[in-house]
């Protein structure tokens, strides 16, 4: 799963706990991309770590493209018919 966020939690349950459940219960890897200058990157990294994923910060549009290109190169591919 790829979570794109401004990186500022303003409601809802603990995202670290949710990422832990997603990974441990369902095997869902959680990657987090923050893009706001005000993003809580420490919390975003903790969410990604809890979901056995990676945290990226994209400070610009070109940085966001680079993040998606890197993810595309590293994520497994499934071919279906």
N, C-alpha and C. Protein backbone atom coordinates (compact mmCIF):
# COMPACT_ATOMS: atom_id res chain seq x y z
N UNK A 1 0.84 -1.14 0.00
CA UNK A 1 0.00 0.00 0.00
C UNK A 1 0.90 1.23 0.00
N UNK A 2 0.51 2.23 -0.75
CA UNK A 2 1.24 3.50 -0.75
C UNK A 2 0.30 4.57 -0.20
N UNK A 3 0.72 5.18 0.89
CA UNK A 3 -0.07 6.23 1.53
C UNK A 3 0.58 7.56 1.20
N UNK A 4 -0.16 8.43 0.51
CA UNK A 4 0.32 9.79 0.25
C UNK A 4 -0.38 10.71 1.22
N UNK A 5 0.39 11.54 1.90
CA UNK A 5 -0.20 12.37 2.94
C UNK A 5 0.55 13.69 3.09
N UNK A 6 -0.19 14.70 3.53
CA UNK A 6 0.45 15.96 3.90
C UNK A 6 1.26 15.77 5.18
N UNK A 7 1.04 14.65 5.87
CA UNK A 7 1.87 14.30 7.02
C UNK A 7 1.47 14.98 8.31
N UNK A 8 0.21 15.41 8.36
CA UNK A 8 -0.29 16.07 9.57
C UNK A 8 -1.58 15.36 9.97
N UNK A 9 -1.51 14.54 11.02
CA UNK A 9 -2.70 13.83 11.45
C UNK A 9 -3.61 14.78 12.21
N UNK A 10 -4.88 14.82 11.79
CA UNK A 10 -5.82 15.71 12.46
C UNK A 10 -7.05 14.99 13.00
N UNK A 11 -7.15 13.69 12.76
CA UNK A 11 -8.23 12.89 13.35
C UNK A 11 -7.99 11.42 13.04
N UNK A 12 -8.81 10.58 13.65
CA UNK A 12 -8.72 9.16 13.40
C UNK A 12 -7.84 8.45 14.41
N UNK A 13 -7.75 7.14 14.22
CA UNK A 13 -6.99 6.31 15.14
C UNK A 13 -5.49 6.38 14.84
N UNK A 14 -4.70 5.79 15.70
CA UNK A 14 -3.24 5.83 15.60
C UNK A 14 -2.77 5.15 14.31
N UNK A 15 -2.17 5.90 13.40
CA UNK A 15 -1.75 5.31 12.13
C UNK A 15 -0.61 4.28 12.28
N UNK A 16 0.21 4.42 13.31
CA UNK A 16 1.27 3.43 13.53
C UNK A 16 0.64 2.08 13.89
N UNK A 17 -0.36 2.11 14.76
CA UNK A 17 -1.06 0.88 15.14
C UNK A 17 -1.78 0.28 13.94
N UNK A 18 -2.37 1.13 13.11
CA UNK A 18 -3.09 0.63 11.92
C UNK A 18 -2.13 -0.02 10.92
N UNK A 19 -0.96 0.59 10.74
CA UNK A 19 0.04 0.01 9.83
C UNK A 19 0.55 -1.31 10.38
N UNK A 20 0.71 -1.39 11.69
CA UNK A 20 1.15 -2.64 12.32
C UNK A 20 0.14 -3.75 12.06
N UNK A 21 -1.13 -3.46 12.24
CA UNK A 21 -2.18 -4.46 11.99
C UNK A 21 -2.20 -4.85 10.51
N UNK A 22 -2.10 -3.86 9.63
CA UNK A 22 -2.12 -4.16 8.19
C UNK A 22 -1.02 -5.13 7.82
N UNK A 23 0.17 -4.89 8.36
CA UNK A 23 1.30 -5.76 8.01
C UNK A 23 1.23 -7.10 8.72
N UNK A 24 1.04 -7.08 10.03
CA UNK A 24 1.09 -8.33 10.80
C UNK A 24 -0.10 -9.24 10.56
N UNK A 25 -1.25 -8.67 10.32
CA UNK A 25 -2.45 -9.48 10.13
C UNK A 25 -2.68 -9.86 8.68
N UNK A 26 -2.43 -8.92 7.78
CA UNK A 26 -2.78 -9.15 6.37
C UNK A 26 -1.58 -9.19 5.43
N UNK A 27 -0.39 -8.95 5.95
CA UNK A 27 0.80 -8.96 5.10
C UNK A 27 0.89 -7.78 4.16
N UNK A 28 0.18 -6.70 4.47
CA UNK A 28 0.19 -5.51 3.61
C UNK A 28 1.37 -4.63 4.01
N UNK A 29 2.26 -4.40 3.07
CA UNK A 29 3.40 -3.51 3.29
C UNK A 29 2.91 -2.08 3.07
N UNK A 30 3.26 -1.20 4.01
CA UNK A 30 2.78 0.18 3.96
C UNK A 30 3.96 1.12 3.71
N UNK A 31 3.98 1.73 2.54
CA UNK A 31 4.95 2.78 2.22
C UNK A 31 4.25 4.12 2.42
N UNK A 32 4.99 5.12 2.89
CA UNK A 32 4.40 6.43 3.15
C UNK A 32 5.17 7.50 2.38
N UNK A 33 4.43 8.34 1.66
CA UNK A 33 5.02 9.48 0.96
C UNK A 33 4.42 10.75 1.56
N UNK A 34 5.28 11.60 2.11
CA UNK A 34 4.84 12.90 2.60
C UNK A 34 5.25 13.95 1.57
N UNK A 35 4.48 15.04 1.52
CA UNK A 35 4.81 16.06 0.53
C UNK A 35 4.70 17.48 1.06
N UNK A 36 4.26 17.68 2.27
CA UNK A 36 4.13 19.01 2.84
C UNK A 36 5.40 19.40 3.59
N UNK A 37 5.74 20.68 3.54
CA UNK A 37 6.89 21.14 4.33
C UNK A 37 6.66 20.99 5.82
N UNK A 38 5.39 20.95 6.23
CA UNK A 38 5.04 20.81 7.64
C UNK A 38 4.84 19.35 8.06
N UNK A 39 5.11 18.42 7.16
CA UNK A 39 4.87 17.01 7.45
C UNK A 39 5.68 16.54 8.66
N UNK A 40 5.04 15.71 9.46
CA UNK A 40 5.72 15.07 10.58
C UNK A 40 6.45 13.85 10.02
N UNK A 41 7.66 14.07 9.55
CA UNK A 41 8.40 13.00 8.89
C UNK A 41 8.84 11.91 9.86
N UNK A 42 9.03 12.25 11.12
CA UNK A 42 9.38 11.23 12.11
C UNK A 42 8.21 10.27 12.27
N UNK A 43 7.00 10.80 12.39
CA UNK A 43 5.81 9.95 12.52
C UNK A 43 5.59 9.15 11.24
N UNK A 44 5.78 9.78 10.09
CA UNK A 44 5.59 9.08 8.81
C UNK A 44 6.57 7.92 8.69
N UNK A 45 7.80 8.12 9.12
CA UNK A 45 8.80 7.04 9.09
C UNK A 45 8.40 5.92 10.04
N UNK A 46 7.81 6.28 11.19
CA UNK A 46 7.36 5.26 12.15
C UNK A 46 6.20 4.44 11.57
N UNK A 47 5.31 5.11 10.85
CA UNK A 47 4.19 4.41 10.21
C UNK A 47 4.73 3.42 9.18
N UNK A 48 5.64 3.90 8.33
CA UNK A 48 6.22 3.03 7.31
C UNK A 48 6.96 1.85 7.95
N UNK A 49 7.73 2.10 8.99
CA UNK A 49 8.47 1.03 9.66
C UNK A 49 7.51 0.01 10.26
N UNK A 50 6.42 0.48 10.85
CA UNK A 50 5.43 -0.43 11.44
C UNK A 50 4.79 -1.31 10.37
N UNK A 51 4.71 -0.77 9.16
CA UNK A 51 4.14 -1.53 8.05
C UNK A 51 5.19 -2.19 7.19
N UNK A 52 6.42 -2.28 7.70
CA UNK A 52 7.55 -2.90 7.00
C UNK A 52 7.84 -2.25 5.65
N UNK A 53 7.49 -0.96 5.54
CA UNK A 53 7.70 -0.23 4.29
C UNK A 53 8.74 0.85 4.45
N UNK A 54 8.73 1.77 3.51
CA UNK A 54 9.69 2.87 3.49
C UNK A 54 8.95 4.19 3.52
N UNK A 55 9.62 5.20 4.04
CA UNK A 55 9.08 6.55 4.03
C UNK A 55 9.88 7.38 3.04
N UNK A 56 9.18 8.16 2.24
CA UNK A 56 9.79 9.08 1.30
C UNK A 56 9.18 10.46 1.55
N UNK A 57 9.99 11.49 1.37
CA UNK A 57 9.46 12.84 1.41
C UNK A 57 9.71 13.48 0.05
N UNK A 58 8.65 13.95 -0.56
CA UNK A 58 8.74 14.58 -1.88
C UNK A 58 8.47 16.07 -1.72
N UNK A 59 9.51 16.85 -1.74
CA UNK A 59 9.39 18.30 -1.53
C UNK A 59 8.97 19.04 -2.80
N UNK A 60 8.93 18.33 -3.93
CA UNK A 60 8.56 18.97 -5.19
C UNK A 60 7.89 17.94 -6.10
N UNK A 61 7.32 18.43 -7.18
CA UNK A 61 6.70 17.53 -8.14
C UNK A 61 7.70 16.58 -8.76
N UNK A 62 8.88 17.07 -9.07
CA UNK A 62 9.90 16.19 -9.66
C UNK A 62 10.38 15.15 -8.65
N UNK A 63 10.43 15.53 -7.38
CA UNK A 63 10.80 14.56 -6.34
C UNK A 63 9.74 13.48 -6.21
N UNK A 64 8.47 13.87 -6.33
CA UNK A 64 7.38 12.89 -6.27
C UNK A 64 7.47 11.90 -7.43
N UNK A 65 7.77 12.40 -8.60
CA UNK A 65 7.94 11.51 -9.75
C UNK A 65 9.08 10.53 -9.48
N UNK A 66 10.18 11.02 -8.94
CA UNK A 66 11.33 10.15 -8.63
C UNK A 66 10.95 9.08 -7.61
N UNK A 67 10.14 9.44 -6.63
CA UNK A 67 9.69 8.46 -5.62
C UNK A 67 8.88 7.37 -6.29
N UNK A 68 7.93 7.75 -7.12
CA UNK A 68 7.11 6.74 -7.79
C UNK A 68 7.94 5.88 -8.74
N UNK A 69 8.92 6.46 -9.40
CA UNK A 69 9.79 5.66 -10.26
C UNK A 69 10.58 4.65 -9.44
N UNK A 70 11.09 5.07 -8.29
CA UNK A 70 11.82 4.14 -7.43
C UNK A 70 10.92 3.03 -6.92
N UNK A 71 9.73 3.39 -6.48
CA UNK A 71 8.79 2.36 -6.02
C UNK A 71 8.44 1.39 -7.14
N UNK A 72 8.23 1.91 -8.33
CA UNK A 72 7.90 1.05 -9.46
C UNK A 72 9.01 0.05 -9.76
N UNK A 73 10.26 0.47 -9.55
CA UNK A 73 11.38 -0.44 -9.79
C UNK A 73 11.52 -1.50 -8.71
N UNK A 74 11.05 -1.21 -7.50
CA UNK A 74 11.30 -2.13 -6.39
C UNK A 74 10.10 -3.00 -6.02
N UNK A 75 8.90 -2.61 -6.41
CA UNK A 75 7.73 -3.41 -6.05
C UNK A 75 7.61 -4.62 -6.97
N UNK A 76 7.11 -5.73 -6.42
CA UNK A 76 6.94 -6.92 -7.26
C UNK A 76 5.87 -6.68 -8.32
N UNK A 77 5.99 -7.39 -9.41
CA UNK A 77 5.06 -7.29 -10.51
C UNK A 77 4.26 -8.58 -10.61
N UNK A 78 2.96 -8.46 -10.83
CA UNK A 78 2.11 -9.63 -11.01
C UNK A 78 1.45 -9.53 -12.37
N UNK A 79 1.64 -10.53 -13.18
CA UNK A 79 1.00 -10.57 -14.49
C UNK A 79 -0.28 -11.39 -14.38
N UNK A 80 -1.34 -10.89 -14.94
CA UNK A 80 -2.61 -11.61 -14.93
C UNK A 80 -3.12 -11.74 -16.35
N UNK A 81 -3.99 -12.65 -16.54
CA UNK A 81 -4.55 -12.85 -17.85
C UNK A 81 -5.97 -12.42 -17.90
